[in-house]
């Protein structure tokens, strides 16, 4: 298991060394390459690693962590303690173990979907162009005041 984890880390390092993975708007690349999408899918064998390392997609990684973590938790807890601690029958334990396995498997289905469909975020403005800005600044006495500023340029 230790060698497998080291192998995944090695793939992540080599992926970063061999291909640009940071968002670089100056190069004109508007999306991820097919190579980056494949690397993300392979690295997501360990849930969320590829999404976080290559695509810098914290949302995708978090969803995979939640799906796989809750699946493993349901699977292990009900499989080991379902009958004795919770008083479940054999059919209920099997149902919970299968639902935990389904949640864990859905993490990999989401991995494939997210690797194919996730695009780089577009460069957008930080706020709407309404002309209004709100700022909390100290006044001359040092007390904080809220200021509403309106500025319109044509």
Protein backbone atom coordinates (compact mmCIF):
# COMPACT_ATOMS: atom_id res chain seq x y z
CA UNK A 1 0.00 0.00 0.00
CA UNK A 2 2.88 2.34 0.84
CA UNK A 3 4.43 1.77 -2.60
CA UNK A 4 1.07 2.43 -4.28
CA UNK A 5 0.69 5.79 -2.50
CA UNK A 6 4.27 6.72 -3.41
CA UNK A 7 3.52 5.77 -7.02
CA UNK A 8 0.46 8.06 -7.09
CA UNK A 9 2.52 10.91 -5.63
CA UNK A 10 5.20 10.29 -8.28
CA UNK A 11 2.58 10.50 -11.03
CA UNK A 12 1.34 13.79 -9.57
CA UNK A 13 4.84 15.25 -9.47
CA UNK A 14 5.63 14.10 -13.01
CA UNK A 15 2.33 15.51 -14.24
CA UNK A 16 3.21 18.88 -12.83
CA UNK A 17 6.72 18.79 -14.23
CA UNK A 18 5.73 17.74 -17.73
CA UNK A 19 2.71 19.90 -18.40
CA UNK A 20 1.47 23.33 -17.44
CA UNK A 21 -1.38 22.89 -15.03
CA UNK A 22 -1.69 26.31 -13.45
CA UNK A 23 -4.20 28.73 -14.85
CA UNK A 24 -2.23 30.80 -17.30
CA UNK A 25 -4.42 33.31 -19.07
CA UNK A 26 -1.49 34.91 -20.89
CA UNK A 27 -0.78 31.80 -22.99
CA UNK A 28 -4.22 31.89 -24.56
CA UNK A 29 -5.11 28.37 -23.44
CA UNK A 30 -8.79 28.59 -22.70
CA UNK A 31 -9.29 25.05 -21.43
CA UNK A 32 -7.59 21.88 -20.24
CA UNK A 33 -5.91 19.57 -22.73
CA UNK A 34 -6.95 15.95 -23.22
CA UNK A 35 -3.67 14.90 -21.57
CA UNK A 36 -4.54 16.91 -18.45
CA UNK A 37 -8.02 15.38 -18.36
CA UNK A 38 -6.58 11.83 -18.58
CA UNK A 39 -4.01 12.62 -15.89
CA UNK A 40 -6.76 13.96 -13.65
CA UNK A 41 -8.81 10.80 -14.12
CA UNK A 42 -5.84 8.54 -13.35
CA UNK A 43 -4.77 10.51 -10.29
CA UNK A 44 -8.32 10.46 -8.98
CA UNK A 45 -7.84 6.76 -8.25
CA UNK A 46 -7.10 8.28 -4.88
CA UNK A 47 -10.26 10.39 -4.63
CA UNK A 48 -9.75 14.10 -5.28
CA UNK A 49 -5.99 14.07 -5.89
CA UNK A 50 -6.14 14.72 -9.64
CA UNK A 51 -8.85 17.32 -9.36
CA UNK A 52 -6.89 19.22 -6.75
CA UNK A 53 -3.38 18.83 -8.19
CA UNK A 54 -3.91 19.16 -11.93
CA UNK A 55 -7.16 21.10 -12.35
CA UNK A 56 -6.90 23.09 -9.12
CA UNK A 57 -10.56 22.24 -8.59
CA UNK A 58 -11.27 22.22 -4.87
CA UNK A 59 -15.01 21.73 -5.40
CA UNK A 60 -14.54 18.55 -7.43
CA UNK A 61 -12.02 17.20 -4.94
CA UNK A 62 -14.30 17.97 -2.00
CA UNK A 63 -17.27 16.21 -3.59
CA UNK A 64 -15.13 13.14 -4.22
CA UNK A 65 -13.82 13.18 -0.66
CA UNK A 66 -17.35 13.42 0.75
CA UNK A 67 -18.76 10.68 -1.49
CA UNK A 68 -15.93 8.23 -0.92
CA UNK A 69 -15.52 9.05 2.78
CA UNK A 70 -19.20 8.66 3.59
CA UNK A 71 -19.35 5.48 1.50
CA UNK A 72 -16.41 3.95 3.34
CA UNK A 73 -17.82 5.05 6.71
CA UNK A 74 -21.24 3.49 6.05
CA UNK A 75 -19.65 0.39 4.58
CA UNK A 76 -17.22 -0.23 7.43
CA UNK A 77 -19.38 0.83 10.37
CA UNK A 78 -22.46 -1.14 9.41
CA UNK A 79 -20.41 -4.07 8.14
CA UNK A 80 -18.49 -4.47 11.38
CA UNK A 81 -20.92 -3.23 14.01
CA UNK A 82 -24.32 -3.34 12.33
CA UNK A 83 -25.64 -6.50 13.93
CA UNK A 84 -24.08 -6.16 17.38
CA UNK A 85 -24.19 -2.43 18.12
CA UNK A 86 -27.14 -1.19 16.10
CA UNK A 87 -29.22 -4.36 16.25
CA UNK A 88 -29.67 -4.62 12.48
CA UNK A 89 -30.69 -7.85 10.87
CA UNK A 90 -28.63 -9.53 8.19
CA UNK A 91 -30.70 -8.05 5.35
CA UNK A 92 -30.37 -4.53 6.76
CA UNK A 93 -26.60 -4.90 7.14
CA UNK A 94 -26.32 -6.05 3.54
CA UNK A 95 -28.44 -3.10 2.39
CA UNK A 96 -26.26 -0.59 4.27
CA UNK A 97 -23.03 -2.20 3.04
CA UNK A 98 -24.30 -2.06 -0.54
CA UNK A 99 -25.39 1.57 -0.15
CA UNK A 100 -21.93 2.44 1.22
CA UNK A 101 -20.33 0.66 -1.71
CA UNK A 102 -22.63 2.54 -4.09
CA UNK A 103 -21.61 5.88 -2.55
CA UNK A 104 -17.95 4.92 -2.88
CA UNK A 105 -18.48 3.88 -6.51
CA UNK A 106 -20.34 7.12 -7.24
CA UNK A 107 -17.14 8.96 -6.32
CA UNK A 108 -15.43 7.30 -9.28
CA UNK A 109 -18.38 7.96 -11.58
CA UNK A 110 -18.23 11.62 -10.55
CA UNK A 111 -14.46 11.53 -11.15
CA UNK A 112 -14.97 10.51 -14.77
CA UNK A 113 -17.75 13.04 -15.30
CA UNK A 114 -15.84 15.92 -13.68
CA UNK A 115 -12.59 15.14 -15.50
CA UNK A 116 -14.37 15.32 -18.86
CA UNK A 117 -16.67 18.29 -18.28
CA UNK A 118 -14.77 20.66 -15.95
CA UNK A 119 -13.47 23.77 -17.71
CA UNK A 120 -11.03 26.42 -16.56
CA UNK A 121 -12.78 29.31 -14.87
CA UNK A 122 -13.21 32.26 -17.17
CA UNK A 123 -11.55 35.54 -16.33
CA UNK A 124 -14.40 37.72 -15.11
CA UNK A 125 -14.84 40.96 -13.24
CA UNK A 126 -14.87 40.81 -9.46
CA UNK A 127 -18.09 42.72 -9.05
CA UNK A 128 -21.04 43.85 -11.06
CA UNK A 129 -20.80 47.06 -13.00
CA UNK A 130 -23.52 48.99 -11.22
CA UNK A 131 -21.41 51.94 -10.13
CA UNK A 132 -22.09 51.35 -6.43
CA UNK A 133 -19.37 50.36 -3.98
CA UNK A 134 -19.68 49.87 -0.25
CA UNK A 135 -16.65 50.31 1.97
CA UNK A 136 -16.13 50.16 5.72
CA UNK A 137 -13.42 52.70 6.57
CA UNK A 138 -12.33 54.65 9.63
CA UNK A 139 -13.37 58.28 9.79
CA UNK A 140 -11.26 61.15 11.20
CA UNK A 141 -12.08 60.12 14.79
CA UNK A 142 -10.96 56.51 14.19
CA UNK A 143 -14.45 54.99 14.32
CA UNK A 144 -15.52 52.65 11.56
CA UNK A 145 -18.19 53.96 9.23
CA UNK A 146 -19.85 52.43 6.19
CA UNK A 147 -19.54 54.50 3.05
CA UNK A 148 -21.62 54.15 -0.08
CA UNK A 149 -19.78 55.38 -3.13
CA UNK A 150 -21.34 55.88 -6.53
CA UNK A 151 -19.12 56.22 -9.56
CA UNK A 152 -20.18 55.93 -13.17
CA UNK A 153 -17.74 56.24 -16.06
CA UNK A 154 -18.60 56.36 -19.73
